[in-house]
Amino acid sequence: MFISTFLDLFFVGIMVVCISIITLFIQRIHLLMVLLCLEMVMLGLFFFSCSYFGLCSGSCYVAFVLLSFAACEASVGLSLLVALIRSHGKDFISLFCGFSC
């Protein structure tokens, strides 16, 4: 039962990563949607790493490092989103071509 739970979490992590990458390629017009898809990728990688490292070594330190990187990525992404909306009024990815500070 214990191994089955980890394998289920492993496959859920893989499915979340795959679905969010497909969604990332479909919804790549708005920056907010790209950031949400990247957060889903990080969540799927968290599930994957928790199940993999929890099953192998009993520790989940790598998953916590991954969560800290996800928090940093989210804060940088949201600050870029706010800067883009303040300067241009829209959150289209195509506006990054002329985005300079």
PDB file of N, CA and C in Angstrom:
ATOM      1  N   MET A   1       0.822  -1.194   0.000  1.00  0.00           N
ATOM      2  CA  MET A   1       0.000   0.000   0.000  1.00  0.00           C
ATOM      3  C   MET A   1       0.862   1.252   0.000  1.00  0.00           C
ATOM      4  N   PHE A   2       1.973   1.223   0.745  1.00  0.00           N
ATOM      5  CA  PHE A   2       2.864   2.376   0.851  1.00  0.00           C
ATOM      6  C   PHE A   2       3.535   2.680  -0.486  1.00  0.00           C
ATOM      7  N   ILE A   3       4.000   1.631  -1.182  1.00  0.00           N
ATOM      8  CA  ILE A   3       4.656   1.825  -2.474  1.00  0.00           C
ATOM      9  C   ILE A   3       3.638   2.249  -3.520  1.00  0.00           C
ATOM     10  N   SER A   4       2.438   1.740  -3.444  1.00  0.00           N
ATOM     11  CA  SER A   4       1.391   2.117  -4.386  1.00  0.00           C
ATOM     12  C   SER A   4       1.064   3.602  -4.300  1.00  0.00           C
ATOM     13  N   THR A   5       1.067   4.159  -3.100  1.00  0.00           N
ATOM     14  CA  THR A   5       0.796   5.589  -2.933  1.00  0.00           C
ATOM     15  C   THR A   5       1.883   6.426  -3.577  1.00  0.00           C
ATOM     16  N   PHE A   6       3.143   6.018  -3.405  1.00  0.00           N
ATOM     17  CA  PHE A   6       4.234   6.755  -4.019  1.00  0.00           C
ATOM     18  C   PHE A   6       4.202   6.646  -5.536  1.00  0.00           C
ATOM     19  N   LEU A   7       3.840   5.467  -6.054  1.00  0.00           N
ATOM     20  CA  LEU A   7       3.757   5.322  -7.503  1.00  0.00           C
ATOM     21  C   LEU A   7       2.614   6.140  -8.076  1.00  0.00           C
ATOM     22  N   ASP A   8       1.506   6.217  -7.350  1.00  0.00           N
ATOM     23  CA  ASP A   8       0.401   7.062  -7.798  1.00  0.00           C
ATOM     24  C   ASP A   8       0.818   8.526  -7.831  1.00  0.00           C
ATOM     25  N   LEU A   9       1.531   8.984  -6.814  1.00  0.00           N
ATOM     26  CA  LEU A   9       2.020  10.357  -6.775  1.00  0.00           C
ATOM     27  C   LEU A   9       3.038  10.601  -7.880  1.00  0.00           C
ATOM     28  N   PHE A  10       3.842   9.592  -8.190  1.00  0.00           N
ATOM     29  CA  PHE A  10       4.822   9.670  -9.274  1.00  0.00           C
ATOM     30  C   PHE A  10       4.124   9.895 -10.612  1.00  0.00           C
ATOM     31  N   PHE A  11       3.099   9.099 -10.894  1.00  0.00           N
ATOM     32  CA  PHE A  11       2.391   9.229 -12.162  1.00  0.00           C
ATOM     33  C   PHE A  11       1.552  10.501 -12.227  1.00  0.00           C
ATOM     34  N   VAL A  12       1.017  10.940 -11.107  1.00  0.00           N
ATOM     35  CA  VAL A  12       0.293  12.217 -11.079  1.00  0.00           C
ATOM     36  C   VAL A  12       1.249  13.360 -11.396  1.00  0.00           C
ATOM     37  N   GLY A  13       2.455  13.312 -10.845  1.00  0.00           N
ATOM     38  CA  GLY A  13       3.453  14.336 -11.139  1.00  0.00           C
ATOM     39  C   GLY A  13       3.820  14.377 -12.608  1.00  0.00           C
ATOM     40  N   ILE A  14       4.005  13.211 -13.204  1.00  0.00           N
ATOM     41  CA  ILE A  14       4.336  13.155 -14.632  1.00  0.00           C
ATOM     42  C   ILE A  14       3.183  13.683 -15.475  1.00  0.00           C
ATOM     43  N   MET A  15       1.968  13.315 -15.128  1.00  0.00           N
ATOM     44  CA  MET A  15       0.807  13.783 -15.893  1.00  0.00           C
ATOM     45  C   MET A  15       0.613  15.289 -15.761  1.00  0.00           C
ATOM     46  N   VAL A  16       0.818  15.834 -14.566  1.00  0.00           N
ATOM     47  CA  VAL A  16       0.675  17.282 -14.374  1.00  0.00           C
ATOM     48  C   VAL A  16       1.717  18.027 -15.193  1.00  0.00           C
ATOM     49  N   VAL A  17       2.950  17.524 -15.221  1.00  0.00           N
ATOM     50  CA  VAL A  17       3.998  18.170 -16.017  1.00  0.00           C
ATOM     51  C   VAL A  17       3.650  18.118 -17.499  1.00  0.00           C
ATOM     52  N   CYS A  18       3.221  16.970 -17.987  1.00  0.00           N
ATOM     53  CA  CYS A  18       2.890  16.841 -19.415  1.00  0.00           C
ATOM     54  C   CYS A  18       1.712  17.725 -19.806  1.00  0.00           C
ATOM     55  N   ILE A  19       0.671  17.728 -19.009  1.00  0.00           N
ATOM     56  CA  ILE A  19      -0.505  18.544 -19.328  1.00  0.00           C
ATOM     57  C   ILE A  19      -0.178  20.027 -19.269  1.00  0.00           C
ATOM     58  N   SER A  20       0.628  20.426 -18.298  1.00  0.00           N
ATOM     59  CA  SER A  20       0.954  21.852 -18.197  1.00  0.00           C
ATOM     60  C   SER A  20       1.892  22.304 -19.309  1.00  0.00           C
ATOM     61  N   ILE A  21       2.774  21.437 -19.788  1.00  0.00           N
ATOM     62  CA  ILE A  21       3.629  21.810 -20.920  1.00  0.00           C
ATOM     63  C   ILE A  21       2.800  21.927 -22.189  1.00  0.00           C
ATOM     64  N   ILE A  22       1.844  21.030 -22.385  1.00  0.00           N
ATOM     65  CA  ILE A  22       0.953  21.139 -23.544  1.00  0.00           C
ATOM     66  C   ILE A  22       0.138  22.425 -23.462  1.00  0.00           C
ATOM     67  N   THR A  23      -0.372  22.740 -22.276  1.00  0.00           N
ATOM     68  CA  THR A  23      -1.126  23.981 -22.090  1.00  0.00           C
ATOM     69  C   THR A  23      -0.245  25.198 -22.301  1.00  0.00           C
ATOM     70  N   LEU A  24       1.018  25.099 -21.921  1.00  0.00           N
ATOM     71  CA  LEU A  24       1.955  26.202 -22.129  1.00  0.00           C
ATOM     72  C   LEU A  24       2.123  26.513 -23.608  1.00  0.00           C
ATOM     73  N   PHE A  25       2.201  25.472 -24.445  1.00  0.00           N
ATOM     74  CA  PHE A  25       2.335  25.702 -25.879  1.00  0.00           C
ATOM     75  C   PHE A  25       1.042  26.205 -26.512  1.00  0.00           C
ATOM     76  N   ILE A  26      -0.094  25.862 -25.942  1.00  0.00           N
ATOM     77  CA  ILE A  26      -1.371  26.321 -26.482  1.00  0.00           C
ATOM     78  C   ILE A  26      -1.673  27.748 -26.048  1.00  0.00           C
ATOM     79  N   GLN A  27      -1.460  28.077 -24.780  1.00  0.00           N
ATOM     80  CA  GLN A  27      -1.824  29.378 -24.206  1.00  0.00           C
ATOM     81  C   GLN A  27      -0.590  30.255 -23.999  1.00  0.00           C
ATOM     82  N   ARG A  28       0.170  30.521 -25.037  1.00  0.00           N
ATOM     83  CA  ARG A  28       1.387  31.308 -24.869  1.00  0.00           C
ATOM     84  C   ARG A  28       1.235  32.761 -25.307  1.00  0.00           C
ATOM     85  N   ILE A  29       0.020  33.268 -25.352  1.00  0.00           N
ATOM     86  CA  ILE A  29      -0.201  34.651 -25.764  1.00  0.00           C
ATOM     87  C   ILE A  29      -0.064  35.590 -24.576  1.00  0.00           C
ATOM     88  N   HIS A  30      -0.680  35.252 -23.453  1.00  0.00           N
ATOM     89  CA  HIS A  30      -0.669  36.116 -22.274  1.00  0.00           C
ATOM     90  C   HIS A  30       0.402  35.660 -21.287  1.00  0.00           C
ATOM     91  N   LEU A  31       1.077  36.616 -20.693  1.00  0.00           N
ATOM     92  CA  LEU A  31       2.140  36.315 -19.740  1.00  0.00           C
ATOM     93  C   LEU A  31       1.596  35.647 -18.485  1.00  0.00           C
ATOM     94  N   LEU A  32       0.416  36.034 -18.046  1.00  0.00           N
ATOM     95  CA  LEU A  32      -0.166  35.437 -16.849  1.00  0.00           C
ATOM     96  C   LEU A  32      -0.434  33.947 -17.045  1.00  0.00           C
ATOM     97  N   MET A  33      -0.906  33.559 -18.213  1.00  0.00           N
ATOM     98  CA  MET A  33      -1.145  32.140 -18.485  1.00  0.00           C
ATOM     99  C   MET A  33       0.165  31.362 -18.548  1.00  0.00           C
ATOM    100  N   VAL A  34       1.196  31.975 -19.093  1.00  0.00           N
ATOM    101  CA  VAL A  34       2.507  31.323 -19.133  1.00  0.00           C
ATOM    102  C   VAL A  34       3.033  31.109 -17.719  1.00  0.00           C
ATOM    103  N   LEU A  35       2.871  32.115 -16.863  1.00  0.00           N
ATOM    104  CA  LEU A  35       3.326  31.985 -15.478  1.00  0.00           C
ATOM    105  C   LEU A  35       2.544  30.910 -14.727  1.00  0.00           C
ATOM    106  N   LEU A  36       1.237  30.830 -14.968  1.00  0.00           N
ATOM    107  CA  LEU A  36       0.433  29.783 -14.326  1.00  0.00           C
ATOM    108  C   LEU A  36       0.841  28.389 -14.797  1.00  0.00           C
ATOM    109  N   CYS A  37       1.137  28.261 -16.085  1.00  0.00           N
ATOM    110  CA  CYS A  37       1.582  26.962 -16.599  1.00  0.00           C
ATOM    111  C   CYS A  37       2.943  26.582 -16.025  1.00  0.00           C
ATOM    112  N   LEU A  38       3.827  27.559 -15.868  1.00  0.00           N
ATOM    113  CA  LEU A  38       5.126  27.268 -15.267  1.00  0.00           C
ATOM    114  C   LEU A  38       4.989  26.864 -13.800  1.00  0.00           C
ATOM    115  N   GLU A  39       4.044  27.460 -13.109  1.00  0.00           N
ATOM    116  CA  GLU A  39       3.796  27.050 -11.725  1.00  0.00           C
ATOM    117  C   GLU A  39       3.243  25.628 -11.664  1.00  0.00           C
ATOM    118  N   MET A  40       2.426  25.259 -12.628  1.00  0.00           N
ATOM    119  CA  MET A  40       1.921  23.887 -12.669  1.00  0.00           C
ATOM    120  C   MET A  40       3.043  22.894 -12.973  1.00  0.00           C
ATOM    121  N   VAL A  41       3.988  23.300 -13.818  1.00  0.00           N
ATOM    122  CA  VAL A  41       5.147  22.444 -14.076  1.00  0.00           C
ATOM    123  C   VAL A  41       5.935  22.232 -12.789  1.00  0.00           C
ATOM    124  N   MET A  42       6.134  23.313 -12.042  1.00  0.00           N
ATOM    125  CA  MET A  42       6.875  23.193 -10.785  1.00  0.00           C
ATOM    126  C   MET A  42       6.119  22.330  -9.771  1.00  0.00           C
ATOM    127  N   LEU A  43       4.796  22.433  -9.750  1.00  0.00           N
ATOM    128  CA  LEU A  43       4.003  21.596  -8.853  1.00  0.00           C
ATOM    129  C   LEU A  43       4.111  20.123  -9.242  1.00  0.00           C
ATOM    130  N   GLY A  44       4.075  19.852 -10.533  1.00  0.00           N
ATOM    131  CA  GLY A  44       4.247  18.476 -10.994  1.00  0.00           C
ATOM    132  C   GLY A  44       5.629  17.935 -10.684  1.00  0.00           C
ATOM    133  N   LEU A  45       6.651  18.780 -10.844  1.00  0.00           N
ATOM    134  CA  LEU A  45       8.001  18.354 -10.484  1.00  0.00           C
ATOM    135  C   LEU A  45       8.137  18.137  -8.983  1.00  0.00           C
ATOM    136  N   PHE A  46       7.396  18.918  -8.198  1.00  0.00           N
ATOM    137  CA  PHE A  46       7.394  18.704  -6.750  1.00  0.00           C
ATOM    138  C   PHE A  46       6.785  17.351  -6.406  1.00  0.00           C
ATOM    139  N   PHE A  47       5.652  17.010  -7.017  1.00  0.00           N
ATOM    140  CA  PHE A  47       5.051  15.690  -6.801  1.00  0.00           C
ATOM    141  C   PHE A  47       6.016  14.584  -7.209  1.00  0.00           C
ATOM    142  N   PHE A  48       6.629  14.779  -8.376  1.00  0.00           N
ATOM    143  CA  PHE A  48       7.564  13.790  -8.903  1.00  0.00           C
ATOM    144  C   PHE A  48       8.754  13.606  -7.968  1.00  0.00           C
ATOM    145  N   SER A  49       9.345  14.717  -7.520  1.00  0.00           N
ATOM    146  CA  SER A  49      10.531  14.606  -6.671  1.00  0.00           C
ATOM    147  C   SER A  49      10.188  14.080  -5.282  1.00  0.00           C
ATOM    148  N   CYS A  50       9.026  14.454  -4.759  1.00  0.00           N
ATOM    149  CA  CYS A  50       8.613  13.908  -3.457  1.00  0.00           C
ATOM    150  C   CYS A  50       8.427  12.403  -3.535  1.00  0.00           C
ATOM    151  N   SER A  51       7.819  11.941  -4.598  1.00  0.00           N
ATOM    152  CA  SER A  51       7.594  10.503  -4.706  1.00  0.00           C
ATOM    153  C   SER A  51       8.897   9.765  -4.982  1.00  0.00           C
ATOM    154  N   TYR A  52       9.755  10.329  -5.825  1.00  0.00           N
ATOM    155  CA  TYR A  52      10.999   9.641  -6.178  1.00  0.00           C
ATOM    156  C   TYR A  52      11.979   9.622  -5.011  1.00  0.00           C
ATOM    157  N   PHE A  53      12.245  10.780  -4.427  1.00  0.00           N
ATOM    158  CA  PHE A  53      13.215  10.836  -3.345  1.00  0.00           C
ATOM    159  C   PHE A  53      12.645  10.291  -2.041  1.00  0.00           C
ATOM    160  N   GLY A  54      11.359  10.353  -1.867  1.00  0.00           N
ATOM    161  CA  GLY A  54      10.745   9.751  -0.690  1.00  0.00           C
ATOM    162  C   GLY A  54      10.801   8.239  -0.738  1.00  0.00           C
ATOM    163  N   LEU A  55      10.710   7.679  -1.949  1.00  0.00           N
ATOM    164  CA  LEU A  55      10.753   6.232  -2.107  1.00  0.00           C
ATOM    165  C   LEU A  55      12.176   5.709  -2.001  1.00  0.00           C
ATOM    166  N   CYS A  56      13.145   6.464  -2.521  1.00  0.00           N
ATOM    167  CA  CYS A  56      14.523   5.973  -2.561  1.00  0.00           C
ATOM    168  C   CYS A  56      15.270   6.190  -1.251  1.00  0.00           C
ATOM    169  N   SER A  57      15.262   7.413  -0.746  1.00  0.00           N
ATOM    170  CA  SER A  57      16.137   7.702   0.385  1.00  0.00           C
ATOM    171  C   SER A  57      15.401   8.079   1.661  1.00  0.00           C
ATOM    172  N   GLY A  58      14.135   8.326   1.604  1.00  0.00           N
ATOM    173  CA  GLY A  58      13.400   8.688   2.797  1.00  0.00           C
ATOM    174  C   GLY A  58      13.466  10.157   3.137  1.00  0.00           C
ATOM    175  N   SER A  59      14.179  10.942   2.362  1.00  0.00           N
ATOM    176  CA  SER A  59      14.246  12.383   2.627  1.00  0.00           C
ATOM    177  C   SER A  59      13.667  13.138   1.448  1.00  0.00           C
ATOM    178  N   CYS A  60      13.165  14.292   1.734  1.00  0.00           N
ATOM    179  CA  CYS A  60      12.486  15.086   0.708  1.00  0.00           C
ATOM    180  C   CYS A  60      13.121  16.475   0.611  1.00  0.00           C
ATOM    181  N   TYR A  61      14.442  16.554   0.847  1.00  0.00           N
ATOM    182  CA  TYR A  61      15.121  17.847   0.838  1.00  0.00           C
ATOM    183  C   TYR A  61      15.139  18.481  -0.546  1.00  0.00           C
ATOM    184  N   VAL A  62      15.281  17.658  -1.565  1.00  0.00           N
ATOM    185  CA  VAL A  62      15.316  18.187  -2.930  1.00  0.00           C
ATOM    186  C   VAL A  62      13.984  18.828  -3.280  1.00  0.00           C
ATOM    187  N   ALA A  63      12.913  18.274  -2.785  1.00  0.00           N
ATOM    188  CA  ALA A  63      11.591  18.836  -3.051  1.00  0.00           C
ATOM    189  C   ALA A  63      11.444  20.210  -2.412  1.00  0.00           C
ATOM    190  N   PHE A  64      12.012  20.394  -1.234  1.00  0.00           N
ATOM    191  CA  PHE A  64      11.931  21.705  -0.586  1.00  0.00           C
ATOM    192  C   PHE A  64      12.801  22.740  -1.290  1.00  0.00           C
ATOM    193  N   VAL A  65      13.929  22.321  -1.837  1.00  0.00           N
ATOM    194  CA  VAL A  65      14.747  23.225  -2.649  1.00  0.00           C
ATOM    195  C   VAL A  65      13.982  23.608  -3.906  1.00  0.00           C
ATOM    196  N   LEU A  66      13.293  22.648  -4.495  1.00  0.00           N
ATOM    197  CA  LEU A  66      12.474  22.921  -5.674  1.00  0.00           C
ATOM    198  C   LEU A  66      11.352  23.899  -5.357  1.00  0.00           C
ATOM    199  N   LEU A  67      10.741  23.765  -4.195  1.00  0.00           N
ATOM    200  CA  LEU A  67       9.694  24.705  -3.791  1.00  0.00           C
ATOM    201  C   LEU A  67      10.246  26.110  -3.579  1.00  0.00           C
ATOM    202  N   SER A  68      11.452  26.217  -3.057  1.00  0.00           N
ATOM    203  CA  SER A  68      12.040  27.550  -2.878  1.00  0.00           C
ATOM    204  C   SER A  68      12.358  28.186  -4.223  1.00  0.00           C
ATOM    205  N   PHE A  69      12.836  27.395  -5.189  1.00  0.00           N
ATOM    206  CA  PHE A  69      13.050  27.932  -6.533  1.00  0.00           C
ATOM    207  C   PHE A  69      11.730  28.337  -7.182  1.00  0.00           C
ATOM    208  N   ALA A  70      10.675  27.579  -6.924  1.00  0.00           N
ATOM    209  CA  ALA A  70       9.361  27.923  -7.475  1.00  0.00           C
ATOM    210  C   ALA A  70       8.856  29.236  -6.902  1.00  0.00           C
ATOM    211  N   ALA A  71       9.100  29.466  -5.621  1.00  0.00           N
ATOM    212  CA  ALA A  71       8.680  30.731  -5.010  1.00  0.00           C
ATOM    213  C   ALA A  71       9.468  31.900  -5.589  1.00  0.00           C
ATOM    214  N   CYS A  72      10.758  31.710  -5.809  1.00  0.00           N
ATOM    215  CA  CYS A  72      11.572  32.773  -6.427  1.00  0.00           C
ATOM    216  C   CYS A  72      11.127  33.041  -7.859  1.00  0.00           C
ATOM    217  N   GLU A  73      10.828  31.978  -8.587  1.00  0.00           N
ATOM    218  CA  GLU A  73      10.372  32.131  -9.972  1.00  0.00           C
ATOM    219  C   GLU A  73       9.036  32.854 -10.031  1.00  0.00           C
ATOM    220  N   ALA A  74       8.164  32.557  -9.099  1.00  0.00           N
ATOM    221  CA  ALA A  74       6.858  33.217  -9.071  1.00  0.00           C
ATOM    222  C   ALA A  74       6.992  34.696  -8.748  1.00  0.00           C
ATOM    223  N   SER A  75       7.859  35.038  -7.823  1.00  0.00           N
ATOM    224  CA  SER A  75       8.016  36.456  -7.468  1.00  0.00           C
ATOM    225  C   SER A  75       8.646  37.251  -8.599  1.00  0.00           C
ATOM    226  N   VAL A  76       9.630  36.684  -9.276  1.00  0.00           N
ATOM    227  CA  VAL A  76      10.240  37.382 -10.415  1.00  0.00           C
ATOM    228  C   VAL A  76       9.242  37.498 -11.559  1.00  0.00           C
ATOM    229  N   GLY A  77       8.479  36.443 -11.808  1.00  0.00           N
ATOM    230  CA  GLY A  77       7.484  36.485 -12.870  1.00  0.00           C
ATOM    231  C   GLY A  77       6.391  37.501 -12.610  1.00  0.00           C
ATOM    232  N   LEU A  78       5.924  37.573 -11.380  1.00  0.00           N
ATOM    233  CA  LEU A  78       4.885  38.558 -11.060  1.00  0.00           C
ATOM    234  C   LEU A  78       5.418  39.984 -11.120  1.00  0.00           C
ATOM    235  N   SER A  79       6.671  40.187 -10.739  1.00  0.00           N
ATOM    236  CA  SER A  79       7.231  41.538 -10.854  1.00  0.00           C
ATOM    237  C   SER A  79       7.389  41.939 -12.316  1.00  0.00           C
ATOM    238  N   LEU A  80       7.768  40.996 -13.175  1.00  0.00           N
ATOM    239  CA  LEU A  80       7.817  41.293 -14.612  1.00  0.00           C
ATOM    240  C   LEU A  80       6.426  41.570 -15.167  1.00  0.00           C
ATOM    241  N   LEU A  81       5.436  40.832 -14.700  1.00  0.00           N
ATOM    242  CA  LEU A  81       4.063  41.052 -15.144  1.00  0.00           C
ATOM    243  C   LEU A  81       3.575  42.435 -14.747  1.00  0.00           C
ATOM    244  N   VAL A  82       3.842  42.844 -13.518  1.00  0.00           N
ATOM    245  CA  VAL A  82       3.425  44.172 -13.060  1.00  0.00           C
ATOM    246  C   VAL A  82       4.154  45.262 -13.839  1.00  0.00           C
ATOM    247  N   ALA A  83       5.450  45.070 -14.084  1.00  0.00           N
ATOM    248  CA  ALA A  83       6.205  46.067 -14.849  1.00  0.00           C
ATOM    249  C   ALA A  83       5.697  46.170 -16.282  1.00  0.00           C
ATOM    250  N   LEU A  84       5.356  45.039 -16.884  1.00  0.00           N
ATOM    251  CA  LEU A  84       4.844  45.050 -18.254  1.00  0.00           C
ATOM    252  C   LEU A  84       3.482  45.715 -18.329  1.00  0.00           C
ATOM    253  N   ILE A  85       2.612  45.440 -17.378  1.00  0.00           N
ATOM    254  CA  ILE A  85       1.277  46.037 -17.398  1.00  0.00           C
ATOM    255  C   ILE A  85       1.350  47.528 -17.096  1.00  0.00           C
ATOM    256  N   ARG A  86       2.252  47.941 -16.214  1.00  0.00           N
ATOM    257  CA  ARG A  86       2.386  49.373 -15.925  1.00  0.00           C
ATOM    258  C   ARG A  86       2.927  50.149 -17.117  1.00  0.00           C
ATOM    259  N   SER A  87       3.837  49.545 -17.850  1.00  0.00           N
ATOM    260  CA  SER A  87       4.436  50.280 -18.964  1.00  0.00           C
ATOM    261  C   SER A  87       3.592  50.224 -20.231  1.00  0.00           C
ATOM    262  N   HIS A  88       2.961  49.079 -20.505  1.00  0.00           N
ATOM    263  CA  HIS A  88       2.236  48.922 -21.769  1.00  0.00           C
ATOM    264  C   HIS A  88       0.731  48.780 -21.609  1.00  0.00           C
ATOM    265  N   GLY A  89       0.244  48.411 -20.446  1.00  0.00           N
ATOM    266  CA  GLY A  89      -1.184  48.270 -20.232  1.00  0.00           C
ATOM    267  C   GLY A  89      -1.749  46.919 -20.626  1.00  0.00           C
ATOM    268  N   LYS A  90      -0.927  46.026 -21.149  1.00  0.00           N
ATOM    269  CA  LYS A  90      -1.372  44.691 -21.568  1.00  0.00           C
ATOM    270  C   LYS A  90      -0.353  43.667 -21.093  1.00  0.00           C
ATOM    271  N   ASP A  91      -0.750  42.398 -21.124  1.00  0.00           N
ATOM    272  CA  ASP A  91       0.178  41.347 -20.703  1.00  0.00           C
ATOM    273  C   ASP A  91       0.487  40.368 -21.833  1.00  0.00           C
ATOM    274  N   PHE A  92       0.593  40.872 -23.045  1.00  0.00           N
ATOM    275  CA  PHE A  92       0.911  40.012 -24.180  1.00  0.00           C
ATOM    276  C   PHE A  92       2.404  39.704 -24.206  1.00  0.00           C
ATOM    277  N   ILE A  93       2.744  38.481 -24.570  1.00  0.00           N
ATOM    278  CA  ILE A  93       4.144  38.071 -24.669  1.00  0.00           C
ATOM    279  C   ILE A  93       4.834  38.823 -25.800  1.00  0.00           C
ATOM    280  N   SER A  94       4.101  39.176 -26.838  1.00  0.00           N
ATOM    281  CA  SER A  94       4.696  39.869 -27.984  1.00  0.00           C
ATOM    282  C   SER A  94       5.231  41.247 -27.613  1.00  0.00           C
ATOM    283  N   LEU A  95       4.813  41.804 -26.486  1.00  0.00           N
ATOM    284  CA  LEU A  95       5.315  43.109 -26.061  1.00  0.00           C
ATOM    285  C   LEU A  95       6.728  43.040 -25.509  1.00  0.00           C
ATOM    286  N   PHE A  96       7.238  41.840 -25.252  1.00  0.00           N
ATOM    287  CA  PHE A  96       8.592  41.715 -24.722  1.00  0.00           C
ATOM    288  C   PHE A  96       9.653  42.067 -25.751  1.00  0.00           C
ATOM    289  N   CYS A  97       9.294  42.136 -27.029  1.00  0.00           N
ATOM    290  CA  CYS A  97      10.273  42.506 -28.051  1.00  0.00           C
ATOM    291  C   CYS A  97      10.770  43.932 -27.840  1.00  0.00           C
ATOM    292  N   GLY A  98       9.897  44.825 -27.419  1.00  0.00           N
ATOM    293  CA  GLY A  98      10.285  46.209 -27.206  1.00  0.00           C
ATOM    294  C   GLY A  98      10.403  46.587 -25.755  1.00  0.00           C
ATOM    295  N   PHE A  99      10.481  45.599 -24.854  1.00  0.00           N
ATOM    296  CA  PHE A  99      10.509  45.867 -23.409  1.00  0.00           C
ATOM    297  C   PHE A  99      11.936  46.146 -22.967  1.00  0.00           C
ATOM    298  N   SER A 100      12.195  47.379 -22.568  1.00  0.00           N
ATOM    299  CA  SER A 100      13.520  47.730 -22.058  1.00  0.00           C
ATOM    300  C   SER A 100      13.352  48.659 -20.873  1.00  0.00           C
ATOM    301  N   CYS A 101      14.287  48.614 -19.967  1.00  0.00           N
ATOM    302  CA  CYS A 101      14.196  49.419 -18.750  1.00  0.00           C
ATOM    303  C   CYS A 101      14.881  50.757 -18.919  1.00  0.00           C
TER     304      CYS A 101
END
